[in-house]
């Protein structure tokens, strides 16, 4: 299982929970969570395939910045 980490500008826990629900619908085989305590408002995805561009596109369509941290 791989972990993919994204820097975001999500600051609200309720918004983060809503985004996790949306992403779980799109990629149900992944474990997804936010770490809003981190200075980069981290979004973590745990899974077995590369879905980075899909996640970035969805986050941007919802009006948020999202950049993969390598």
N, C-alpha and C. Protein backbone atom coordinates (compact mmCIF):
# COMPACT_ATOMS: atom_id res chain seq x y z
N UNK A 1 0.84 -1.18 0.00
CA UNK A 1 0.00 0.00 0.00
C UNK A 1 0.88 1.24 0.00
N UNK A 2 0.58 2.18 -0.88
CA UNK A 2 1.33 3.43 -0.97
C UNK A 2 0.58 4.54 -0.26
N UNK A 3 1.34 5.52 0.22
CA UNK A 3 0.77 6.73 0.80
C UNK A 3 1.11 7.88 -0.12
N UNK A 4 0.09 8.63 -0.53
CA UNK A 4 0.29 9.83 -1.33
C UNK A 4 -0.13 11.01 -0.49
N UNK A 5 0.72 12.05 -0.46
CA UNK A 5 0.48 13.20 0.41
C UNK A 5 0.34 14.45 -0.44
N UNK A 6 -0.66 15.26 -0.09
CA UNK A 6 -0.93 16.49 -0.81
C UNK A 6 -0.95 17.67 0.17
N UNK A 7 -0.41 18.78 -0.27
CA UNK A 7 -0.53 20.05 0.44
C UNK A 7 -1.81 20.71 -0.06
N UNK A 8 -2.66 21.19 0.87
CA UNK A 8 -3.91 21.83 0.48
C UNK A 8 -4.07 23.15 1.22
N UNK A 9 -5.13 23.87 0.86
CA UNK A 9 -5.48 25.08 1.60
C UNK A 9 -6.81 24.90 2.34
N UNK A 10 -7.19 23.65 2.61
CA UNK A 10 -8.39 23.35 3.38
C UNK A 10 -8.09 23.65 4.85
N UNK A 11 -8.92 24.46 5.48
CA UNK A 11 -8.66 24.86 6.86
C UNK A 11 -9.79 24.46 7.81
N UNK A 12 -10.93 24.05 7.29
CA UNK A 12 -12.11 23.80 8.09
C UNK A 12 -12.37 22.29 8.18
N UNK A 13 -12.56 21.79 9.38
CA UNK A 13 -12.75 20.35 9.60
C UNK A 13 -14.02 19.84 8.92
N UNK A 14 -15.09 20.61 8.94
CA UNK A 14 -16.34 20.20 8.30
C UNK A 14 -16.15 20.09 6.79
N UNK A 15 -15.46 21.05 6.21
CA UNK A 15 -15.17 21.01 4.77
C UNK A 15 -14.29 19.81 4.46
N UNK A 16 -13.31 19.56 5.30
CA UNK A 16 -12.41 18.42 5.09
C UNK A 16 -13.20 17.11 5.11
N UNK A 17 -14.11 16.97 6.05
CA UNK A 17 -14.92 15.75 6.13
C UNK A 17 -15.78 15.59 4.88
N UNK A 18 -16.34 16.69 4.39
CA UNK A 18 -17.15 16.66 3.17
C UNK A 18 -16.31 16.22 1.97
N UNK A 19 -15.09 16.74 1.88
CA UNK A 19 -14.20 16.37 0.78
C UNK A 19 -13.80 14.90 0.85
N UNK A 20 -13.58 14.40 2.05
CA UNK A 20 -13.24 12.98 2.21
C UNK A 20 -14.40 12.11 1.71
N UNK A 21 -15.63 12.48 2.05
CA UNK A 21 -16.80 11.72 1.58
C UNK A 21 -16.85 11.73 0.06
N UNK A 22 -16.65 12.90 -0.55
CA UNK A 22 -16.66 12.99 -2.01
C UNK A 22 -15.57 12.12 -2.63
N UNK A 23 -14.37 12.20 -2.09
CA UNK A 23 -13.25 11.42 -2.63
C UNK A 23 -13.47 9.93 -2.44
N UNK A 24 -14.10 9.53 -1.32
CA UNK A 24 -14.38 8.11 -1.09
C UNK A 24 -15.36 7.56 -2.13
N UNK A 25 -16.26 8.40 -2.62
CA UNK A 25 -17.19 7.98 -3.68
C UNK A 25 -16.42 7.74 -4.98
N UNK A 26 -15.46 8.62 -5.26
CA UNK A 26 -14.68 8.53 -6.50
C UNK A 26 -13.68 7.38 -6.44
N UNK A 27 -13.03 7.21 -5.29
CA UNK A 27 -12.01 6.17 -5.13
C UNK A 27 -12.28 5.38 -3.84
N UNK A 28 -13.30 4.52 -3.88
CA UNK A 28 -13.74 3.82 -2.66
C UNK A 28 -12.73 2.82 -2.09
N UNK A 29 -11.74 2.42 -2.87
CA UNK A 29 -10.76 1.46 -2.37
C UNK A 29 -9.59 2.12 -1.63
N UNK A 30 -9.67 3.42 -1.40
CA UNK A 30 -8.60 4.16 -0.71
C UNK A 30 -9.04 4.57 0.68
N UNK A 31 -8.07 4.64 1.59
CA UNK A 31 -8.28 5.26 2.90
C UNK A 31 -7.82 6.71 2.73
N UNK A 32 -8.64 7.66 3.19
CA UNK A 32 -8.38 9.08 2.95
C UNK A 32 -8.57 9.85 4.25
N UNK A 33 -7.64 10.77 4.54
CA UNK A 33 -7.83 11.64 5.69
C UNK A 33 -7.06 12.94 5.53
N UNK A 34 -7.47 13.92 6.31
CA UNK A 34 -6.79 15.22 6.36
C UNK A 34 -6.08 15.34 7.69
N UNK A 35 -4.97 16.09 7.69
CA UNK A 35 -4.29 16.50 8.91
C UNK A 35 -4.24 18.01 8.89
N UNK A 36 -5.27 18.63 9.47
CA UNK A 36 -5.35 20.09 9.46
C UNK A 36 -4.49 20.71 10.55
N UNK A 37 -3.92 19.88 11.41
CA UNK A 37 -2.98 20.38 12.42
C UNK A 37 -1.63 20.70 11.78
N UNK A 38 -1.32 20.05 10.68
CA UNK A 38 -0.08 20.28 9.95
C UNK A 38 -0.14 21.64 9.26
N UNK A 39 0.98 22.32 9.17
CA UNK A 39 1.01 23.66 8.55
C UNK A 39 0.63 23.63 7.07
N UNK A 40 0.76 22.46 6.42
CA UNK A 40 0.41 22.34 5.00
C UNK A 40 -1.00 21.77 4.78
N UNK A 41 -1.78 21.63 5.87
CA UNK A 41 -3.15 21.10 5.76
C UNK A 41 -3.17 19.85 4.88
N UNK A 42 -2.47 18.86 5.33
CA UNK A 42 -2.17 17.64 4.56
C UNK A 42 -3.41 16.80 4.27
N UNK A 43 -3.47 16.32 3.05
CA UNK A 43 -4.44 15.31 2.63
C UNK A 43 -3.64 14.05 2.33
N UNK A 44 -3.99 12.94 2.99
CA UNK A 44 -3.29 11.67 2.78
C UNK A 44 -4.22 10.66 2.15
N UNK A 45 -3.68 9.93 1.19
CA UNK A 45 -4.41 8.84 0.55
C UNK A 45 -3.58 7.57 0.65
N UNK A 46 -4.22 6.49 1.07
CA UNK A 46 -3.57 5.19 1.20
C UNK A 46 -4.24 4.26 0.19
N UNK A 47 -3.45 3.75 -0.76
CA UNK A 47 -4.01 2.87 -1.76
C UNK A 47 -2.94 2.21 -2.61
N UNK A 48 -3.39 1.50 -3.63
CA UNK A 48 -2.48 0.69 -4.43
C UNK A 48 -2.34 1.14 -5.87
N UNK A 49 -2.76 2.36 -6.17
CA UNK A 49 -2.60 2.86 -7.54
C UNK A 49 -2.43 4.37 -7.49
N UNK A 50 -2.00 4.93 -8.61
CA UNK A 50 -1.77 6.37 -8.69
C UNK A 50 -3.06 7.09 -9.09
N UNK A 51 -3.58 7.88 -8.17
CA UNK A 51 -4.80 8.66 -8.45
C UNK A 51 -4.54 10.15 -8.24
N UNK A 52 -3.27 10.54 -8.26
CA UNK A 52 -2.89 11.92 -7.94
C UNK A 52 -3.62 12.95 -8.80
N UNK A 53 -3.61 12.78 -10.10
CA UNK A 53 -4.22 13.78 -10.97
C UNK A 53 -5.73 13.83 -10.76
N UNK A 54 -6.34 12.70 -10.52
CA UNK A 54 -7.77 12.65 -10.23
C UNK A 54 -8.10 13.45 -8.97
N UNK A 55 -7.30 13.27 -7.93
CA UNK A 55 -7.51 13.98 -6.67
C UNK A 55 -7.29 15.48 -6.87
N UNK A 56 -6.21 15.85 -7.52
CA UNK A 56 -5.91 17.26 -7.77
C UNK A 56 -7.04 17.91 -8.56
N UNK A 57 -7.49 17.25 -9.61
CA UNK A 57 -8.58 17.80 -10.43
C UNK A 57 -9.85 17.98 -9.60
N UNK A 58 -10.18 17.00 -8.77
CA UNK A 58 -11.39 17.12 -7.96
C UNK A 58 -11.26 18.27 -6.96
N UNK A 59 -10.14 18.33 -6.27
CA UNK A 59 -9.94 19.40 -5.28
C UNK A 59 -10.02 20.77 -5.95
N UNK A 60 -9.41 20.92 -7.10
CA UNK A 60 -9.47 22.20 -7.81
C UNK A 60 -10.88 22.52 -8.27
N UNK A 61 -11.63 21.51 -8.70
CA UNK A 61 -13.02 21.75 -9.13
C UNK A 61 -13.89 22.20 -7.95
N UNK A 62 -13.48 21.84 -6.73
CA UNK A 62 -14.19 22.26 -5.53
C UNK A 62 -13.67 23.61 -5.01
N UNK A 63 -12.67 24.18 -5.71
CA UNK A 63 -12.16 25.50 -5.35
C UNK A 63 -10.99 25.51 -4.40
N UNK A 64 -10.31 24.37 -4.26
CA UNK A 64 -9.19 24.28 -3.34
C UNK A 64 -7.88 24.05 -4.07
N UNK A 65 -6.80 24.52 -3.45
CA UNK A 65 -5.47 24.25 -3.94
C UNK A 65 -5.08 22.84 -3.48
N UNK A 66 -4.35 22.14 -4.32
CA UNK A 66 -3.93 20.78 -3.98
C UNK A 66 -2.69 20.45 -4.79
N UNK A 67 -1.60 20.18 -4.07
CA UNK A 67 -0.34 19.87 -4.75
C UNK A 67 0.29 18.66 -4.09
N UNK A 68 0.69 17.70 -4.91
CA UNK A 68 1.32 16.50 -4.36
C UNK A 68 2.69 16.85 -3.79
N UNK A 69 2.97 16.31 -2.62
CA UNK A 69 4.29 16.45 -1.99
C UNK A 69 5.04 15.16 -2.27
N UNK A 70 6.21 15.27 -2.85
CA UNK A 70 6.96 14.06 -3.23
C UNK A 70 8.01 13.72 -2.20
